[in-house]
Amino acid sequence: MLQAVTILAERKLKHVEACLRYPVEYETRTTGFERYDLPYCALPETALADIDTRTQLLGKTLLAPVLIGAMTGGAELSGTINRHLALAAQQLGLGLMLGSQRVMLAHPEATSSFAVRSYAPDILLIGNLGVAQLNQGYGAAEVIRAIEAIGADALAFHTNPLQEALQRGGDEDFSGLVAKLREVVPQVPYPLILKEVGHGLSAAVARSVADAGLAALDVAGAGGTSWAKVEEFVNYGQVRHHELAEWGIPTATALREVRSAFPTMPLIASGGIRSGVDAAKALALGAQAVAIAKPLLAPALESSEAVAAWLKHFIWELKVAMHCAGAPDLASLRALTLVLR
């Protein structure tokens, strides 16, 4: 058992190392946000100090529409990263999504790296499991255990067929998962999310789970970190399958498609969100919140203060963008029509 948990923990650490060491972001595909501009207003009738970024997500109030995205878990270093992220989220009133808890469920001794609730008692805390685990015997009981063992408010099922196909020993069976989601989700008394990991959700995929009872979708589009590329660097120290590693639905495209198909479904936009202006555009395109991961990894290795400093600058950019677009709050921002360049 110790060997098994060590192997899973080492995999997580290799992912962290690859993200820090190698160029794991898309090179030939962008998020698509650069194709849009916020409407600039020279007389906005707003005061920057009064810009209101509060929002509701999954029954919790966020002081800004920002989630710290899923990164890691299962190893001692992962525990340090998650602790620093949680402390920053608590300080700023943001949400936090943890990395995959599969290792924790299989090996409870790894739970400590996910146990951050004591550092962030008030935040929206979201657990995480691979949806492919529903084909490995996992069901509602395991999902509930993943949530309750760490005091989470909700859980995200991540779907990542491309990453798993390129991962040594990855989960390759994604058949029948729509039916399993329809079966499992109603049995879990907590909000559940479906998210990609950075290759994008399409409107067709969203429609396929429309009746499953999910509380939100995270479109997690292409343009930021390519997890196919991460696996290539972990396996070979280089990218050998370039076309696969650059494949995905740009984040802005995924967001527009899914929002058009589901006007009222809460959506999270992630995948290459790198500035407050990116966030403002995503919110104007219909996102309830944005999620950020890779830019916070290096700060999270340093301290919670470093994480908070990065996020404060990001949120300041968002507020400036809202102010200069004449949007005093998020409802006003979402009512804007972006200008196609």
Protein backbone atom coordinates (compact mmCIF):
# COMPACT_ATOMS: atom_id res chain seq x y z
CA MET A 1 0.00 0.00 0.00
CA LEU A 2 2.81 2.41 0.85
CA GLN A 3 4.38 1.74 -2.55
CA ALA A 4 1.10 2.50 -4.33
CA VAL A 5 0.58 5.82 -2.56
CA THR A 6 4.23 6.70 -3.20
CA ILE A 7 3.79 6.08 -6.94
CA LEU A 8 0.69 8.30 -7.10
CA ALA A 9 2.37 11.01 -5.03
CA GLU A 10 5.45 10.91 -7.26
CA ARG A 11 3.23 11.34 -10.31
CA LYS A 12 1.73 14.48 -8.77
CA LEU A 13 5.18 15.86 -8.03
CA LYS A 14 6.29 15.14 -11.60
CA HIS A 15 3.31 17.13 -12.85
CA VAL A 16 4.29 20.05 -10.62
CA GLU A 17 7.91 19.83 -11.79
CA ALA A 18 6.88 19.73 -15.45
CA CYS A 19 4.67 22.81 -15.04
CA LEU A 20 7.51 24.73 -13.42
CA ARG A 21 10.33 23.53 -15.65
CA TYR A 22 8.96 23.11 -19.16
CA PRO A 23 6.96 25.24 -21.65
CA VAL A 24 3.66 23.44 -21.03
CA GLU A 25 1.35 26.12 -22.42
CA TYR A 26 -0.19 26.03 -25.87
CA GLU A 27 1.94 27.52 -28.65
CA THR A 28 -0.32 27.34 -31.73
CA ARG A 29 -3.70 27.83 -30.03
CA THR A 30 -4.85 30.80 -27.96
CA THR A 31 -7.74 31.29 -25.56
CA GLY A 32 -9.55 33.44 -28.12
CA PHE A 33 -10.07 36.34 -25.70
CA GLU A 34 -7.67 38.44 -27.76
CA ARG A 35 -10.34 38.60 -30.47
CA TYR A 36 -12.57 40.70 -28.20
CA ASP A 37 -12.40 44.09 -26.53
CA LEU A 38 -14.40 45.44 -23.64
CA PRO A 39 -16.25 48.60 -24.71
CA TYR A 40 -14.12 51.48 -23.40
CA CYS A 41 -16.01 54.34 -21.72
CA ALA A 42 -14.28 57.68 -21.20
CA LEU A 43 -17.06 58.90 -18.89
CA PRO A 44 -17.98 55.76 -16.97
CA GLU A 45 -19.96 57.38 -14.12
CA THR A 46 -18.28 54.97 -11.71
CA ALA A 47 -15.70 55.28 -8.93
CA LEU A 48 -12.92 52.69 -8.91
CA ALA A 49 -13.11 52.36 -5.12
CA ASP A 50 -16.81 51.46 -5.37
CA ILE A 51 -16.55 48.69 -7.98
CA ASP A 52 -18.40 45.68 -6.58
CA THR A 53 -16.96 42.28 -7.55
CA ARG A 54 -19.02 40.13 -5.17
CA THR A 55 -20.82 37.12 -6.58
CA GLN A 56 -22.62 33.96 -5.49
CA LEU A 57 -21.42 30.52 -6.57
CA LEU A 58 -22.69 27.15 -5.34
CA GLY A 59 -24.39 28.79 -2.38
CA LYS A 60 -21.33 30.72 -1.16
CA THR A 61 -20.40 34.39 -1.47
CA LEU A 62 -17.11 35.22 -3.19
CA LEU A 63 -15.65 38.71 -2.72
CA ALA A 64 -14.39 38.46 -6.29
CA PRO A 65 -15.50 36.00 -9.02
CA VAL A 66 -12.27 34.04 -8.76
CA LEU A 67 -11.45 30.43 -7.96
CA ILE A 68 -7.96 29.11 -7.40
CA GLY A 69 -7.97 26.20 -9.84
CA ALA A 70 -7.14 22.56 -9.18
CA MET A 71 -3.41 21.84 -9.00
CA THR A 72 -2.17 18.98 -6.85
CA GLY A 73 -2.48 16.74 -3.81
CA GLY A 74 -1.19 13.52 -2.30
CA ALA A 75 2.39 14.45 -1.47
CA GLU A 76 4.02 16.44 1.33
CA LEU A 77 4.94 19.25 -1.06
CA SER A 78 1.35 19.21 -2.36
CA GLY A 79 0.17 19.81 1.20
CA THR A 80 2.37 22.90 1.43
CA ILE A 81 1.05 24.20 -1.88
CA ASN A 82 -2.58 23.62 -0.90
CA ARG A 83 -2.08 25.23 2.50
CA HIS A 84 -0.65 28.40 0.96
CA LEU A 85 -3.46 28.50 -1.60
CA ALA A 86 -6.10 28.03 1.08
CA LEU A 87 -4.68 30.78 3.30
CA ALA A 88 -4.68 33.21 0.37
CA ALA A 89 -8.24 32.25 -0.59
CA GLN A 90 -9.40 32.84 2.99
CA GLN A 91 -7.68 36.22 3.14
CA LEU A 92 -9.25 37.44 -0.11
CA GLY A 93 -12.64 35.72 0.11
CA LEU A 94 -12.13 33.55 -2.96
CA GLY A 95 -12.79 29.91 -3.78
CA LEU A 96 -10.37 26.98 -3.98
CA MET A 97 -10.58 23.79 -6.01
CA LEU A 98 -8.27 21.01 -4.88
CA GLY A 99 -6.41 18.51 -7.05
CA SER A 100 -7.64 14.98 -7.69
CA GLN A 101 -8.49 13.14 -4.48
CA ARG A 102 -8.18 9.68 -6.00
CA VAL A 103 -4.96 9.04 -4.08
CA MET A 104 -6.67 10.10 -0.86
CA LEU A 105 -9.59 7.71 -1.30
CA ALA A 106 -7.35 4.80 -2.17
CA HIS A 107 -4.81 5.64 0.55
CA PRO A 108 -6.29 7.63 3.47
CA GLU A 109 -2.80 8.42 4.77
CA ALA A 110 -2.60 10.96 1.91
CA THR A 111 -5.59 12.90 3.24
CA SER A 112 -3.45 15.43 5.10
CA SER A 113 -2.29 17.07 1.85
CA PHE A 114 -5.94 17.93 1.08
CA ALA A 115 -6.98 18.90 4.62
CA VAL A 116 -7.02 22.70 4.31
CA ARG A 117 -10.38 23.59 5.84
CA SER A 118 -8.78 24.60 9.14
CA TYR A 119 -6.76 27.24 7.25
CA ALA A 120 -9.76 28.51 5.30
CA PRO A 121 -12.94 28.00 7.33
CA ASP A 122 -15.10 30.39 5.30
CA ILE A 123 -14.18 29.79 1.67
CA LEU A 124 -15.93 27.89 -1.10
CA LEU A 125 -13.90 24.66 -1.07
CA ILE A 126 -14.34 22.27 -3.99
CA GLY A 127 -13.08 18.70 -4.01
CA ASN A 128 -12.03 16.83 -7.15
CA LEU A 129 -12.26 13.36 -8.67
CA GLY A 130 -11.69 12.04 -12.17
CA VAL A 131 -14.99 11.17 -13.84
CA ALA A 132 -13.29 8.10 -15.32
CA GLN A 133 -13.17 6.68 -11.79
CA LEU A 134 -16.88 6.00 -12.16
CA ASN A 135 -15.77 3.21 -14.51
CA GLN A 136 -13.40 1.88 -11.84
CA GLY A 137 -16.03 1.08 -9.22
CA TYR A 138 -16.45 4.54 -7.71
CA GLY A 139 -19.98 5.71 -6.96
CA ALA A 140 -21.94 8.10 -4.79
CA ALA A 141 -20.39 6.74 -1.57
CA GLU A 142 -16.85 7.57 -2.72
CA VAL A 143 -17.90 11.01 -3.94
CA ILE A 144 -19.55 11.82 -0.62
CA ARG A 145 -16.51 10.54 1.26
CA ALA A 146 -14.21 12.75 -0.83
CA ILE A 147 -16.31 15.79 0.02
CA GLU A 148 -16.94 15.12 3.70
CA ALA A 149 -13.42 13.93 4.57
CA ILE A 150 -12.05 17.41 3.86
CA GLY A 151 -15.10 19.51 4.74
CA ALA A 152 -15.64 20.62 1.14
CA ASP A 153 -18.77 22.39 -0.09
CA ALA A 154 -18.88 20.74 -3.51
CA LEU A 155 -16.90 18.48 -5.83
CA ALA A 156 -15.75 18.71 -9.43
CA PHE A 157 -15.58 15.70 -11.72
CA HIS A 158 -12.68 16.35 -14.06
CA THR A 159 -12.87 14.83 -17.51
CA ASN A 160 -9.56 14.53 -19.36
CA PRO A 161 -9.52 11.81 -22.03
CA LEU A 162 -6.63 13.36 -23.95
CA GLN A 163 -4.41 13.73 -20.90
CA GLU A 164 -5.18 10.20 -19.73
CA ALA A 165 -4.46 8.77 -23.17
CA LEU A 166 -0.97 10.29 -23.06
CA GLN A 167 -0.32 9.39 -19.42
CA ARG A 168 1.53 6.18 -18.70
CA GLY A 169 -1.00 3.94 -17.01
CA GLY A 170 -3.73 6.51 -17.52
CA ASP A 171 -7.47 5.82 -17.51
CA GLU A 172 -8.48 5.03 -21.09
CA ASP A 173 -12.10 3.91 -20.63
CA PHE A 174 -14.49 6.87 -20.87
CA SER A 175 -17.39 4.81 -22.20
CA GLY A 176 -20.78 5.00 -20.52
CA LEU A 177 -19.86 7.94 -18.30
CA VAL A 178 -22.83 10.12 -19.26
CA ALA A 179 -25.18 7.42 -17.98
CA LYS A 180 -23.10 7.00 -14.82
CA LEU A 181 -23.24 10.74 -14.12
CA ARG A 182 -27.02 10.64 -14.48
CA GLU A 183 -27.05 7.81 -11.95
CA VAL A 184 -24.54 9.13 -9.41
CA VAL A 185 -25.17 12.89 -9.32
CA PRO A 186 -28.75 12.71 -7.90
CA GLN A 187 -27.49 10.45 -5.09
CA VAL A 188 -24.99 13.03 -3.79
CA PRO A 189 -26.40 15.74 -1.48
CA TYR A 190 -23.75 18.27 -2.48
CA PRO A 191 -23.27 20.44 -5.60
CA LEU A 192 -21.30 18.67 -8.33
CA ILE A 193 -19.45 20.22 -11.26
CA LEU A 194 -18.17 18.79 -14.52
CA LYS A 195 -14.90 20.29 -15.74
CA GLU A 196 -12.29 19.71 -18.36
CA VAL A 197 -8.62 20.18 -17.47
CA GLY A 198 -7.67 22.51 -20.30
CA HIS A 199 -8.84 21.05 -23.62
CA GLY A 200 -12.36 22.46 -23.50
CA LEU A 201 -16.01 21.48 -23.07
CA SER A 202 -18.21 21.74 -26.16
CA ALA A 203 -21.89 22.59 -26.30
CA ALA A 204 -22.54 18.99 -27.41
CA VAL A 205 -20.87 17.60 -24.28
CA ALA A 206 -22.78 20.06 -22.12
CA ARG A 207 -26.06 19.00 -23.71
CA SER A 208 -25.25 15.35 -23.09
CA VAL A 209 -25.23 15.95 -19.32
CA ALA A 210 -27.97 18.58 -19.23
CA ASP A 211 -30.32 16.29 -17.33
CA ALA A 212 -27.73 14.85 -14.92
CA GLY A 213 -28.38 17.40 -12.19
CA LEU A 214 -24.96 19.07 -12.22
CA ALA A 215 -24.71 22.39 -10.37
CA ALA A 216 -22.18 24.03 -12.72
CA LEU A 217 -19.80 23.44 -15.62
CA ASP A 218 -16.17 24.54 -15.91
CA VAL A 219 -15.42 24.90 -19.64
CA ALA A 220 -11.63 24.74 -18.99
CA GLY A 221 -10.64 25.56 -22.55
CA ALA A 222 -7.44 25.50 -24.55
CA GLY A 223 -4.98 28.37 -24.56
CA GLY A 224 -3.35 27.99 -21.16
CA THR A 225 -1.69 24.82 -19.88
CA SER A 226 -1.92 21.79 -22.17
CA TRP A 227 -2.09 18.78 -19.88
CA ALA A 228 -1.37 16.60 -22.89
CA LYS A 229 1.88 18.52 -23.14
CA VAL A 230 2.53 18.10 -19.41
CA GLU A 231 2.28 14.32 -19.79
CA GLU A 232 4.64 14.39 -22.78
CA PHE A 233 7.27 16.23 -20.75
CA VAL A 234 6.79 13.86 -17.82
CA ASN A 235 7.17 10.83 -20.10
CA TYR A 236 9.89 11.95 -22.49
CA GLY A 237 11.30 15.33 -21.43
CA GLN A 238 9.99 16.64 -24.75
CA VAL A 239 6.80 16.85 -26.80
CA ARG A 240 6.64 13.97 -29.28
CA HIS A 241 3.01 14.26 -30.37
CA HIS A 242 2.69 17.94 -31.24
CA GLU A 243 -0.71 17.83 -32.92
CA LEU A 244 -2.27 16.05 -29.95
CA ALA A 245 -0.59 18.35 -27.45
CA GLU A 246 -1.95 21.45 -29.22
CA TRP A 247 -5.51 20.14 -29.56
CA GLY A 248 -8.51 21.67 -27.83
CA ILE A 249 -11.39 24.14 -27.89
CA PRO A 250 -10.25 27.72 -27.16
CA THR A 251 -11.61 28.95 -23.84
CA ALA A 252 -13.61 31.85 -25.30
CA THR A 253 -15.15 29.54 -27.90
CA ALA A 254 -16.08 26.90 -25.32
CA LEU A 255 -17.58 29.56 -23.06
CA ARG A 256 -19.70 31.09 -25.82
CA GLU A 257 -20.87 27.70 -27.09
CA VAL A 258 -21.89 26.36 -23.69
CA ARG A 259 -23.47 29.64 -22.58
CA SER A 260 -25.53 29.76 -25.80
CA ALA A 261 -26.75 26.22 -25.18
CA PHE A 262 -27.47 26.83 -21.47
CA PRO A 263 -28.36 30.45 -20.70
CA THR A 264 -28.91 29.85 -16.97
CA MET A 265 -26.33 27.17 -16.05
CA PRO A 266 -23.58 28.57 -13.77
CA LEU A 267 -20.35 28.46 -15.79
CA ILE A 268 -16.75 28.71 -14.67
CA ALA A 269 -14.21 29.88 -17.23
CA SER A 270 -10.68 28.52 -16.93
CA GLY A 271 -7.86 27.75 -19.32
CA GLY A 272 -5.37 30.55 -19.96
CA ILE A 273 -7.01 33.25 -17.82
CA ARG A 274 -3.93 35.32 -17.13
CA SER A 275 -5.13 38.86 -16.36
CA GLY A 276 -8.00 40.76 -14.88
CA VAL A 277 -8.91 41.88 -18.39
CA ASP A 278 -9.18 38.23 -19.46
CA ALA A 279 -11.45 37.70 -16.46
CA ALA A 280 -13.63 40.69 -17.36
CA LYS A 281 -14.07 39.38 -20.91
CA ALA A 282 -14.92 35.89 -19.65
CA LEU A 283 -17.51 37.31 -17.26
CA ALA A 284 -19.01 39.44 -20.03
CA LEU A 285 -19.25 36.30 -22.17
CA GLY A 286 -21.32 34.59 -19.51
CA ALA A 287 -19.04 33.08 -16.86
CA GLN A 288 -20.13 33.19 -13.23
CA ALA A 289 -16.49 33.04 -12.14
CA VAL A 290 -13.01 32.37 -13.51
CA ALA A 291 -10.42 29.90 -12.27
CA ILE A 292 -6.65 30.34 -12.28
CA ALA A 293 -4.06 27.63 -11.68
CA LYS A 294 -0.60 27.68 -13.28
CA PRO A 295 0.28 31.34 -12.56
CA LEU A 296 -0.21 30.59 -8.86
CA LEU A 297 1.95 27.46 -8.71
CA ALA A 298 5.32 29.16 -8.23
CA PRO A 299 3.93 31.66 -5.68
CA ALA A 300 2.31 28.75 -3.81
CA LEU A 301 5.72 27.13 -3.38
CA GLU A 302 6.90 30.37 -1.76
CA SER A 303 4.16 31.51 0.64
CA SER A 304 0.51 32.39 1.05
CA GLU A 305 1.56 36.06 0.90
CA ALA A 306 3.04 35.53 -2.56
CA VAL A 307 -0.19 33.91 -3.74
CA ALA A 308 -2.28 36.72 -2.28
CA ALA A 309 -0.07 39.37 -3.88
CA TRP A 310 -0.56 37.85 -7.35
CA LEU A 311 -4.30 37.58 -6.84
CA LYS A 312 -4.63 41.13 -5.49
CA HIS A 313 -3.03 42.48 -8.66
CA PHE A 314 -5.32 40.29 -10.79
CA ILE A 315 -8.44 41.51 -8.98
CA TRP A 316 -7.26 45.14 -9.22
CA GLU A 317 -6.95 44.70 -13.01
CA LEU A 318 -10.48 43.29 -13.09
CA LYS A 319 -11.80 46.28 -11.16
CA VAL A 320 -10.01 48.76 -13.44
CA ALA A 321 -11.44 46.98 -16.49
CA MET A 322 -14.95 47.15 -15.02
CA HIS A 323 -14.54 50.81 -14.02
CA CYS A 324 -13.33 51.90 -17.47
CA ALA A 325 -16.10 49.92 -19.16
CA GLY A 326 -18.70 51.67 -17.00
CA ALA A 327 -19.69 48.53 -15.12
CA PRO A 328 -20.11 49.20 -11.38
CA ASP A 329 -20.88 45.56 -10.60
CA LEU A 330 -20.83 42.12 -12.17
CA ALA A 331 -24.44 42.29 -13.34
CA SER A 332 -23.56 45.41 -15.32
CA LEU A 333 -20.41 43.75 -16.69
CA ARG A 334 -22.39 40.71 -17.87
CA ALA A 335 -24.84 43.04 -19.64
CA LEU A 336 -22.08 44.49 -21.82
CA THR A 337 -21.54 43.41 -25.42
CA LEU A 338 -17.91 42.77 -26.27
CA VAL A 339 -16.46 44.39 -29.37
CA LEU A 340 -15.08 41.99 -31.97
CA ARG A 341 -11.69 43.20 -33.10
